[in-house]
Structures are given as C-alpha cells and as structure tokens.
Amino acid sequence: MARPIIGITVDNKGNTADSGTYESAIRYSQAVTAAGGLAILLPHEVEHVAQYVNLCHGLILTGGADPVMEQFGCATDGRARRIDQNRQAFELALLSEVDRQRDAAMGDTGDTPVLGVCLGMQLMALHNGASLDQYMPDTIGDEATAGHQDNARHSLIFEADDSVIQTDNTGGSINASATVVSSHRQRIADAGRLRIVARAEDGTIEAIDDPARRFYLGVQWHPERGGDDDCPMLNQGVLKALIDSSR
C-alpha cells in the first residue's frame, strides 16, 4: 500500500523570511516516516494552498514562534516572539482551504486530517474563535511556566474519553505515565468552537479537537520529541493516528 502523503509546514531561519532560508526540525519527517507516511515540506506559498491540500492526504502544522494577534482583534504582547507574517498567513490559509474543501465535499471525502503541534495548535484554535494567553508567567507564575519549557515533561488530565488520544485514564484522572514534552510560554485561554480534550495539572489546555471531523487535533506538546514511552499514544502514536486517518 502506498504511503499517505503528509504535508509538513516549515519555519523561516531566524524566524524571518528575510533570511531567504526555510528550515524544519528533522524529527517531524522522521516521525512521519516511522509512522508509515511520506513526508513533504510545504513552502509558504498562499496562492498554492488549494493544490497543497489536494496533494496531501494529511497535514502537520508545526511548532514555532508566537502568533501575531492583531488580526484576531487584540494587540500582540510586547514580550512575544512574533511569527513571520508570511508563515502565519500561509498556515491560516491552509486551515481555511481544509474547511472549504470539507464544506464543498459535505463529508469525509474532503475531510483532510490535520495535526497542530504547539504553535500549530494555537493557530488552529485562533482560526476557530479561541483566545490566547500571551504570557503564561503573568497568569500561572514563573515556576509553573517553567514546567512547560525547555522540553520539560509533565502529565495530563483527560476531559474526553472518545478522542484519538484516548488512554486508559480519562474523565478527570491524572495518568502519571502519560507524560508529554513541552516548550512554550503561551497557551490558549479557551478552545473556541473546538473541544478541550486534555489539560495539564496547572489548568493549561494541552489538547483540542473537533469530534465531528475524521482527524482534527491540536496538541500543545511536541509528540515528535516524546518517543515511545509508557503512553506512546500521546507521542509517536499521535503521528501513527494521523497516518491511519490519512490512508
């Protein structure tokens, strides 16, 4: 069976298109390959989003800098590391095109699976009407924020028992072995039109989805960095679930 094509969004070197260089963490493509997919990297060409969505069987919106918030009705915090606007425009256009094709097909035939990772989750949420906590130290303090930075591992509390990251411990239970790797200092404040699937112990929203879609999942952690641990469904297994939904 042919491997499903998974489009992976790329970053700009130095977080600016002026660098003239795209870059991508190798772990994304390695994780897709290990999960049975065929990884391709997507340049920031808004005019080609329809062809990219048509070409790809699934999409990954990767991690990166912080969203620019003016288009969502509020000022960008001065402490934010602002994402290059070409990248933000491209990834939001991808999400809009996925929506358009799904609405046009009126069913699973146009329902492209999407996984948002860290920044990718935040853009998915903002695209669906959510709001953003732009500086976590102000809301949960420096110590709690440190538990989400520099690839720190932490556990999860599950709020949905029918998502693609369903584990044995759901319904408000803390599963100490279900650890994930995080590196962020912003978080979504609410899920907008999407559903909250899991939180960290400090209340940070860690996973969101749209249960009406085949696969539309955002995770605040980095599954490509998590490896195979006691709860692989949350790490490499997330990529496997994306691939399976993309076949």
C-alpha atoms as a PDB file:
ATOM      1  CA  MET A   1       0.000   0.000   0.000  1.00  0.00           C
ATOM      2  CA  ALA A   2       1.312   3.442  -0.923  1.00  0.00           C
ATOM      3  CA  ARG A   3       2.272   5.654   1.980  1.00  0.00           C
ATOM      4  CA  PRO A   4      -0.087   8.602   2.562  1.00  0.00           C
ATOM      5  CA  ILE A   5       1.484  11.972   1.779  1.00  0.00           C
ATOM      6  CA  ILE A   6       1.767  14.194   4.845  1.00  0.00           C
ATOM      7  CA  GLY A   7       2.471  17.875   4.266  1.00  0.00           C
ATOM      8  CA  ILE A   8       4.598  19.489   6.979  1.00  0.00           C
ATOM      9  CA  THR A   9       4.751  23.248   7.385  1.00  0.00           C
ATOM     10  CA  VAL A  10       8.216  24.780   7.634  1.00  0.00           C
ATOM     11  CA  ASP A  11       9.708  27.689   9.553  1.00  0.00           C
ATOM     12  CA  ASN A  12      11.978  30.509   8.433  1.00  0.00           C
ATOM     13  CA  LYS A  13      15.593  30.565   9.562  1.00  0.00           C
ATOM     14  CA  GLY A  14      15.889  33.210  12.244  1.00  0.00           C
ATOM     15  CA  ASN A  15      12.070  33.488  12.202  1.00  0.00           C
ATOM     16  CA  THR A  16      12.159  35.818   9.226  1.00  0.00           C
ATOM     17  CA  ALA A  17      11.572  35.382   5.504  1.00  0.00           C
ATOM     18  CA  ASP A  18      14.383  37.907   5.009  1.00  0.00           C
ATOM     19  CA  SER A  19      16.795  35.064   5.821  1.00  0.00           C
ATOM     20  CA  GLY A  20      15.974  33.542   2.450  1.00  0.00           C
ATOM     21  CA  THR A  21      16.051  30.086   4.036  1.00  0.00           C
ATOM     22  CA  TYR A  22      13.366  27.676   5.178  1.00  0.00           C
ATOM     23  CA  GLU A  23      14.087  25.211   7.976  1.00  0.00           C
ATOM     24  CA  SER A  24      12.367  22.217   9.552  1.00  0.00           C
ATOM     25  CA  ALA A  25      13.188  20.067  12.565  1.00  0.00           C
ATOM     26  CA  ILE A  26      14.172  16.675  11.172  1.00  0.00           C
ATOM     27  CA  ARG A  27      12.160  14.880  13.848  1.00  0.00           C
ATOM     28  CA  TYR A  28       8.878  15.775  12.147  1.00  0.00           C
ATOM     29  CA  SER A  29       9.704  13.982   8.906  1.00  0.00           C
ATOM     30  CA  GLN A  30      11.401  11.135  10.769  1.00  0.00           C
ATOM     31  CA  ALA A  31       8.306  10.623  12.941  1.00  0.00           C
ATOM     32  CA  VAL A  32       6.026  10.668   9.886  1.00  0.00           C
ATOM     33  CA  THR A  33       8.220   8.128   8.107  1.00  0.00           C
ATOM     34  CA  ALA A  34       8.358   5.875  11.171  1.00  0.00           C
ATOM     35  CA  ALA A  35       4.552   6.036  11.415  1.00  0.00           C
ATOM     36  CA  GLY A  36       4.131   4.896   7.808  1.00  0.00           C
ATOM     37  CA  GLY A  37       3.701   8.205   5.991  1.00  0.00           C
ATOM     38  CA  LEU A  38       5.558  10.016   3.216  1.00  0.00           C
ATOM     39  CA  ALA A  39       6.689  13.449   4.414  1.00  0.00           C
ATOM     40  CA  ILE A  40       6.884  16.514   2.185  1.00  0.00           C
ATOM     41  CA  LEU A  41       7.710  20.076   3.253  1.00  0.00           C
ATOM     42  CA  LEU A  42       5.401  22.940   2.302  1.00  0.00           C
ATOM     43  CA  PRO A  43       6.821  26.371   1.400  1.00  0.00           C
ATOM     44  CA  HIS A  44       4.858  29.487   2.342  1.00  0.00           C
ATOM     45  CA  GLU A  45       3.023  29.999  -0.940  1.00  0.00           C
ATOM     46  CA  VAL A  46      -0.521  31.112  -0.153  1.00  0.00           C
ATOM     47  CA  GLU A  47      -1.518  31.074  -3.823  1.00  0.00           C
ATOM     48  CA  HIS A  48      -0.923  27.300  -3.924  1.00  0.00           C
ATOM     49  CA  VAL A  49      -2.783  26.185  -0.794  1.00  0.00           C
ATOM     50  CA  ALA A  50      -5.595  24.529  -2.761  1.00  0.00           C
ATOM     51  CA  GLN A  51      -3.110  22.370  -4.670  1.00  0.00           C
ATOM     52  CA  TYR A  52      -1.222  21.513  -1.488  1.00  0.00           C
ATOM     53  CA  VAL A  53      -4.406  20.356   0.232  1.00  0.00           C
ATOM     54  CA  ASN A  54      -5.392  18.375  -2.851  1.00  0.00           C
ATOM     55  CA  LEU A  55      -1.956  16.746  -2.983  1.00  0.00           C
ATOM     56  CA  CYS A  56      -1.632  15.852   0.701  1.00  0.00           C
ATOM     57  CA  HIS A  57      -3.564  13.130   2.496  1.00  0.00           C
ATOM     58  CA  GLY A  58      -2.846  14.799   5.845  1.00  0.00           C
ATOM     59  CA  LEU A  59      -1.201  17.936   7.249  1.00  0.00           C
ATOM     60  CA  ILE A  60       1.014  18.829  10.207  1.00  0.00           C
ATOM     61  CA  LEU A  61       1.206  22.427  11.390  1.00  0.00           C
ATOM     62  CA  THR A  62       4.479  22.534  13.260  1.00  0.00           C
ATOM     63  CA  GLY A  63       5.828  24.469  16.243  1.00  0.00           C
ATOM     64  CA  GLY A  64       7.480  27.843  16.044  1.00  0.00           C
ATOM     65  CA  ALA A  65       7.288  31.407  17.317  1.00  0.00           C
ATOM     66  CA  ASP A  66       4.261  33.260  18.707  1.00  0.00           C
ATOM     67  CA  PRO A  67       1.120  34.264  16.771  1.00  0.00           C
ATOM     68  CA  VAL A  68       0.648  37.882  15.749  1.00  0.00           C
ATOM     69  CA  MET A  69      -2.678  38.803  17.307  1.00  0.00           C
ATOM     70  CA  GLU A  70      -3.860  41.988  15.622  1.00  0.00           C
ATOM     71  CA  GLN A  71      -5.896  40.092  13.037  1.00  0.00           C
ATOM     72  CA  PHE A  72      -7.668  38.344  15.911  1.00  0.00           C
ATOM     73  CA  GLY A  73      -8.795  41.597  17.496  1.00  0.00           C
ATOM     74  CA  CYS A  74      -6.146  42.340  20.120  1.00  0.00           C
ATOM     75  CA  ALA A  75      -2.615  43.663  20.405  1.00  0.00           C
ATOM     76  CA  THR A  76       0.384  41.324  20.311  1.00  0.00           C
ATOM     77  CA  ASP A  77       2.153  41.262  23.666  1.00  0.00           C
ATOM     78  CA  GLY A  78       5.435  43.135  23.525  1.00  0.00           C
ATOM     79  CA  ARG A  79       7.246  40.145  25.034  1.00  0.00           C
ATOM     80  CA  ALA A  80       6.093  37.790  22.266  1.00  0.00           C
ATOM     81  CA  ARG A  81       8.485  36.349  19.690  1.00  0.00           C
ATOM     82  CA  ARG A  82       6.384  37.289  16.682  1.00  0.00           C
ATOM     83  CA  ILE A  83       5.982  34.707  13.924  1.00  0.00           C
ATOM     84  CA  ASP A  84       6.948  35.804  10.423  1.00  0.00           C
ATOM     85  CA  GLN A  85       3.747  37.079   8.826  1.00  0.00           C
ATOM     86  CA  ASN A  86       4.284  35.082   5.620  1.00  0.00           C
ATOM     87  CA  ARG A  87       4.221  31.884   7.641  1.00  0.00           C
ATOM     88  CA  GLN A  88       1.166  32.858   9.685  1.00  0.00           C
ATOM     89  CA  ALA A  89      -0.761  33.877   6.566  1.00  0.00           C
ATOM     90  CA  PHE A  90       0.139  30.602   4.857  1.00  0.00           C
ATOM     91  CA  GLU A  91      -0.855  28.322   7.724  1.00  0.00           C
ATOM     92  CA  LEU A  92      -4.164  30.125   8.304  1.00  0.00           C
ATOM     93  CA  ALA A  93      -4.835  29.881   4.553  1.00  0.00           C
ATOM     94  CA  LEU A  94      -4.164  26.130   4.737  1.00  0.00           C
ATOM     95  CA  LEU A  95      -6.721  25.775   7.529  1.00  0.00           C
ATOM     96  CA  SER A  96      -9.262  27.833   5.595  1.00  0.00           C
ATOM     97  CA  GLU A  97      -8.742  25.699   2.486  1.00  0.00           C
ATOM     98  CA  VAL A  98      -9.210  22.497   4.511  1.00  0.00           C
ATOM     99  CA  ASP A  99     -12.501  23.939   5.766  1.00  0.00           C
ATOM    100  CA  ARG A 100     -13.543  24.989   2.271  1.00  0.00           C
ATOM    101  CA  GLN A 101     -12.868  21.595   0.737  1.00  0.00           C
ATOM    102  CA  ARG A 102     -14.636  19.806   3.580  1.00  0.00           C
ATOM    103  CA  ASP A 103     -17.713  22.031   3.197  1.00  0.00           C
ATOM    104  CA  ALA A 104     -17.704  21.547  -0.575  1.00  0.00           C
ATOM    105  CA  ALA A 105     -17.461  17.755  -0.266  1.00  0.00           C
ATOM    106  CA  MET A 106     -20.041  17.596   2.547  1.00  0.00           C
ATOM    107  CA  GLY A 107     -18.446  14.542   4.099  1.00  0.00           C
ATOM    108  CA  ASP A 108     -15.326  12.522   4.837  1.00  0.00           C
ATOM    109  CA  THR A 109     -14.158  12.596   1.222  1.00  0.00           C
ATOM    110  CA  GLY A 110     -12.992  16.197   1.687  1.00  0.00           C
ATOM    111  CA  ASP A 111     -12.050  15.953   5.347  1.00  0.00           C
ATOM    112  CA  THR A 112      -8.263  16.299   5.307  1.00  0.00           C
ATOM    113  CA  PRO A 113      -6.730  15.146   8.625  1.00  0.00           C
ATOM    114  CA  VAL A 114      -4.854  17.928  10.425  1.00  0.00           C
ATOM    115  CA  LEU A 115      -2.476  17.782  13.383  1.00  0.00           C
ATOM    116  CA  GLY A 116      -1.398  21.042  15.016  1.00  0.00           C
ATOM    117  CA  VAL A 117       1.714  20.959  17.216  1.00  0.00           C
ATOM    118  CA  CYS A 118       2.413  23.707  19.788  1.00  0.00           C
ATOM    119  CA  LEU A 119       2.189  26.873  17.626  1.00  0.00           C
ATOM    120  CA  GLY A 120       0.170  24.789  15.152  1.00  0.00           C
ATOM    121  CA  MET A 121      -2.404  24.039  17.853  1.00  0.00           C
ATOM    122  CA  GLN A 122      -2.594  27.723  18.774  1.00  0.00           C
ATOM    123  CA  LEU A 123      -3.239  28.728  15.159  1.00  0.00           C
ATOM    124  CA  MET A 124      -5.910  26.017  14.842  1.00  0.00           C
ATOM    125  CA  ALA A 125      -7.574  27.358  17.978  1.00  0.00           C
ATOM    126  CA  LEU A 126      -7.398  31.010  16.901  1.00  0.00           C
ATOM    127  CA  HIS A 127      -8.757  30.025  13.475  1.00  0.00           C
ATOM    128  CA  ASN A 128     -11.718  28.521  15.333  1.00  0.00           C
ATOM    129  CA  GLY A 129     -12.516  31.532  17.505  1.00  0.00           C
ATOM    130  CA  ALA A 130     -10.340  30.860  20.567  1.00  0.00           C
ATOM    131  CA  SER A 131      -8.314  33.405  22.541  1.00  0.00           C
ATOM    132  CA  LEU A 132      -4.676  33.277  23.623  1.00  0.00           C
ATOM    133  CA  ASP A 133      -2.894  33.719  26.940  1.00  0.00           C
ATOM    134  CA  GLN A 134       0.127  35.541  25.541  1.00  0.00           C
ATOM    135  CA  TYR A 135       2.415  35.359  28.565  1.00  0.00           C
ATOM    136  CA  MET A 136       1.967  32.449  30.955  1.00  0.00           C
ATOM    137  CA  PRO A 137       4.175  33.841  33.772  1.00  0.00           C
ATOM    138  CA  ASP A 138       1.563  36.571  34.242  1.00  0.00           C
ATOM    139  CA  THR A 139      -1.265  34.058  34.683  1.00  0.00           C
ATOM    140  CA  ILE A 140       0.276  30.954  36.309  1.00  0.00           C
ATOM    141  CA  GLY A 141       3.626  32.260  37.562  1.00  0.00           C
ATOM    142  CA  ASP A 142       7.247  31.609  36.661  1.00  0.00           C
ATOM    143  CA  GLU A 143       7.545  28.241  38.419  1.00  0.00           C
ATOM    144  CA  ALA A 144       4.522  26.678  36.705  1.00  0.00           C
ATOM    145  CA  THR A 145       5.571  28.142  33.355  1.00  0.00           C
ATOM    146  CA  ALA A 146       8.990  26.512  33.714  1.00  0.00           C
ATOM    147  CA  GLY A 147       7.216  23.148  33.704  1.00  0.00           C
ATOM    148  CA  HIS A 148       6.216  23.845  30.095  1.00  0.00           C
ATOM    149  CA  GLN A 149       9.586  24.996  28.758  1.00  0.00           C
ATOM    150  CA  ASP A 150      12.866  23.526  27.559  1.00  0.00           C
ATOM    151  CA  ASN A 151      11.396  20.096  26.731  1.00  0.00           C
ATOM    152  CA  ALA A 152      10.033  19.611  30.252  1.00  0.00           C
ATOM    153  CA  ARG A 153       7.893  16.514  30.769  1.00  0.00           C
ATOM    154  CA  HIS A 154       4.559  16.697  32.543  1.00  0.00           C
ATOM    155  CA  SER A 155       1.416  14.623  32.975  1.00  0.00           C
ATOM    156  CA  LEU A 156      -2.095  15.220  31.657  1.00  0.00           C
ATOM    157  CA  ILE A 157      -5.660  15.300  32.910  1.00  0.00           C
ATOM    158  CA  PHE A 158      -8.110  13.975  30.310  1.00  0.00           C
ATOM    159  CA  GLU A 159     -11.520  15.554  29.749  1.00  0.00           C
ATOM    160  CA  ALA A 160     -12.730  13.493  26.776  1.00  0.00           C
ATOM    161  CA  ASP A 161     -12.839   9.715  26.532  1.00  0.00           C
ATOM    162  CA  ASP A 162     -13.502   9.375  22.808  1.00  0.00           C
ATOM    163  CA  SER A 163     -10.652  11.302  21.201  1.00  0.00           C
ATOM    164  CA  VAL A 164      -7.834   9.868  19.099  1.00  0.00           C
ATOM    165  CA  ILE A 165      -5.554  10.216  22.130  1.00  0.00           C
ATOM    166  CA  GLN A 166      -7.864   8.251  24.400  1.00  0.00           C
ATOM    167  CA  THR A 167      -5.965   6.389  27.129  1.00  0.00           C
ATOM    168  CA  ASP A 168      -6.928   4.120  29.999  1.00  0.00           C
ATOM    169  CA  ASN A 169      -7.230   7.087  32.362  1.00  0.00           C
ATOM    170  CA  THR A 170      -9.889   9.583  31.312  1.00  0.00           C
ATOM    171  CA  GLY A 171     -12.661  11.618  32.820  1.00  0.00           C
ATOM    172  CA  GLY A 172     -10.558  13.895  35.018  1.00  0.00           C
ATOM    173  CA  SER A 173      -7.957  11.331  36.051  1.00  0.00           C
ATOM    174  CA  ILE A 174      -4.248  12.110  36.186  1.00  0.00           C
ATOM    175  CA  ASN A 175      -2.177   9.473  34.441  1.00  0.00           C
ATOM    176  CA  ALA A 176       1.379   9.867  35.752  1.00  0.00           C
ATOM    177  CA  SER A 177       2.804   7.698  32.975  1.00  0.00           C
ATOM    178  CA  ALA A 178       1.098   9.736  30.246  1.00  0.00           C
ATOM    179  CA  THR A 179       3.874  12.299  30.003  1.00  0.00           C
ATOM    180  CA  VAL A 180       4.475  14.746  27.186  1.00  0.00           C
ATOM    181  CA  VAL A 181       7.299  17.097  26.177  1.00  0.00           C
ATOM    182  CA  SER A 182       6.594  20.841  26.098  1.00  0.00           C
ATOM    183  CA  SER A 183       8.415  24.022  25.146  1.00  0.00           C
ATOM    184  CA  HIS A 184       6.205  27.135  25.186  1.00  0.00           C
ATOM    185  CA  ARG A 185       5.312  30.210  27.212  1.00  0.00           C
ATOM    186  CA  GLN A 186       1.988  30.985  25.548  1.00  0.00           C
ATOM    187  CA  ARG A 187      -1.181  28.883  25.736  1.00  0.00           C
ATOM    188  CA  ILE A 188      -4.743  29.084  24.516  1.00  0.00           C
ATOM    189  CA  ALA A 189      -7.164  30.566  27.047  1.00  0.00           C
ATOM    190  CA  ASP A 190     -10.193  28.737  25.622  1.00  0.00           C
ATOM    191  CA  ALA A 191     -10.937  26.348  22.771  1.00  0.00           C
ATOM    192  CA  GLY A 192     -13.349  28.487  20.759  1.00  0.00           C
ATOM    193  CA  ARG A 193     -15.500  26.211  18.590  1.00  0.00           C
ATOM    194  CA  LEU A 194     -13.279  23.206  19.343  1.00  0.00           C
ATOM    195  CA  ARG A 195     -13.400  20.753  22.253  1.00  0.00           C
ATOM    196  CA  ILE A 196     -10.951  20.565  25.138  1.00  0.00           C
ATOM    197  CA  VAL A 197      -9.510  17.044  25.289  1.00  0.00           C
ATOM    198  CA  ALA A 198      -6.800  17.338  27.951  1.00  0.00           C
ATOM    199  CA  ARG A 199      -5.182  19.777  30.365  1.00  0.00           C
ATOM    200  CA  ALA A 200      -2.004  19.925  32.403  1.00  0.00           C
ATOM    201  CA  GLU A 201      -2.325  19.849  36.175  1.00  0.00           C
ATOM    202  CA  ASP A 202      -1.998  23.647  36.277  1.00  0.00           C
ATOM    203  CA  GLY A 203      -5.043  24.007  34.013  1.00  0.00           C
ATOM    204  CA  THR A 204      -3.172  24.665  30.760  1.00  0.00           C
ATOM    205  CA  ILE A 205      -5.185  23.366  27.800  1.00  0.00           C
ATOM    206  CA  GLU A 206      -2.998  20.673  26.266  1.00  0.00           C
ATOM    207  CA  ALA A 207      -5.176  19.130  23.542  1.00  0.00           C
ATOM    208  CA  ILE A 208      -8.182  20.201  21.488  1.00  0.00           C
ATOM    209  CA  ASP A 209     -10.130  18.541  18.709  1.00  0.00           C
ATOM    210  CA  ASP A 210     -13.235  18.625  16.560  1.00  0.00           C
ATOM    211  CA  PRO A 211     -15.061  15.351  17.215  1.00  0.00           C
ATOM    212  CA  ALA A 212     -17.187  15.890  14.097  1.00  0.00           C
ATOM    213  CA  ARG A 213     -14.133  15.523  11.871  1.00  0.00           C
ATOM    214  CA  ARG A 214     -12.169  12.451  10.911  1.00  0.00           C
ATOM    215  CA  PHE A 215      -8.970  13.814  12.495  1.00  0.00           C
ATOM    216  CA  TYR A 216      -8.621  17.447  13.580  1.00  0.00           C
ATOM    217  CA  LEU A 217      -6.371  17.559  16.618  1.00  0.00           C
ATOM    218  CA  GLY A 218      -4.180  20.181  18.233  1.00  0.00           C
ATOM    219  CA  VAL A 219      -1.642  19.342  20.942  1.00  0.00           C
ATOM    220  CA  GLN A 220       0.342  21.877  22.935  1.00  0.00           C
ATOM    221  CA  TRP A 221       3.191  19.413  23.390  1.00  0.00           C
ATOM    222  CA  HIS A 222       5.678  18.004  20.864  1.00  0.00           C
ATOM    223  CA  PRO A 223       4.779  14.373  20.045  1.00  0.00           C
ATOM    224  CA  GLU A 224       7.696  14.113  17.609  1.00  0.00           C
ATOM    225  CA  ARG A 225      10.054  14.594  20.574  1.00  0.00           C
ATOM    226  CA  GLY A 226       8.299  12.270  23.019  1.00  0.00           C
ATOM    227  CA  GLY A 227       9.488   8.910  21.735  1.00  0.00           C
ATOM    228  CA  ASP A 228       7.947   5.592  22.765  1.00  0.00           C
ATOM    229  CA  ASP A 229       7.247   5.709  26.492  1.00  0.00           C
ATOM    230  CA  ASP A 230       4.664   4.154  28.800  1.00  0.00           C
ATOM    231  CA  CYS A 231       1.908   6.007  26.947  1.00  0.00           C
ATOM    232  CA  PRO A 232       3.024   6.023  23.305  1.00  0.00           C
ATOM    233  CA  MET A 233      -0.416   7.100  22.073  1.00  0.00           C
ATOM    234  CA  LEU A 234       0.451  10.619  23.153  1.00  0.00           C
ATOM    235  CA  ASN A 235       3.806  10.745  21.375  1.00  0.00           C
ATOM    236  CA  GLN A 236       4.721   8.654  18.333  1.00  0.00           C
ATOM    237  CA  GLY A 237       1.219   7.223  18.490  1.00  0.00           C
ATOM    238  CA  VAL A 238      -0.258  10.635  17.684  1.00  0.00           C
ATOM    239  CA  LEU A 239       1.637  10.556  14.397  1.00  0.00           C
ATOM    240  CA  LYS A 240       0.504   6.972  13.783  1.00  0.00           C
ATOM    241  CA  ALA A 241      -3.117   8.004  14.334  1.00  0.00           C
ATOM    242  CA  LEU A 242      -2.699  10.846  11.830  1.00  0.00           C
ATOM    243  CA  ILE A 243      -1.247   8.466   9.251  1.00  0.00           C
ATOM    244  CA  ASP A 244      -4.002   5.902   9.799  1.00  0.00           C
ATOM    245  CA  SER A 245      -6.653   8.615   9.348  1.00  0.00           C
ATOM    246  CA  SER A 246      -4.929   9.789   6.165  1.00  0.00           C
ATOM    247  CA  ARG A 247      -4.977   6.455   4.318  1.00  0.00           C
END
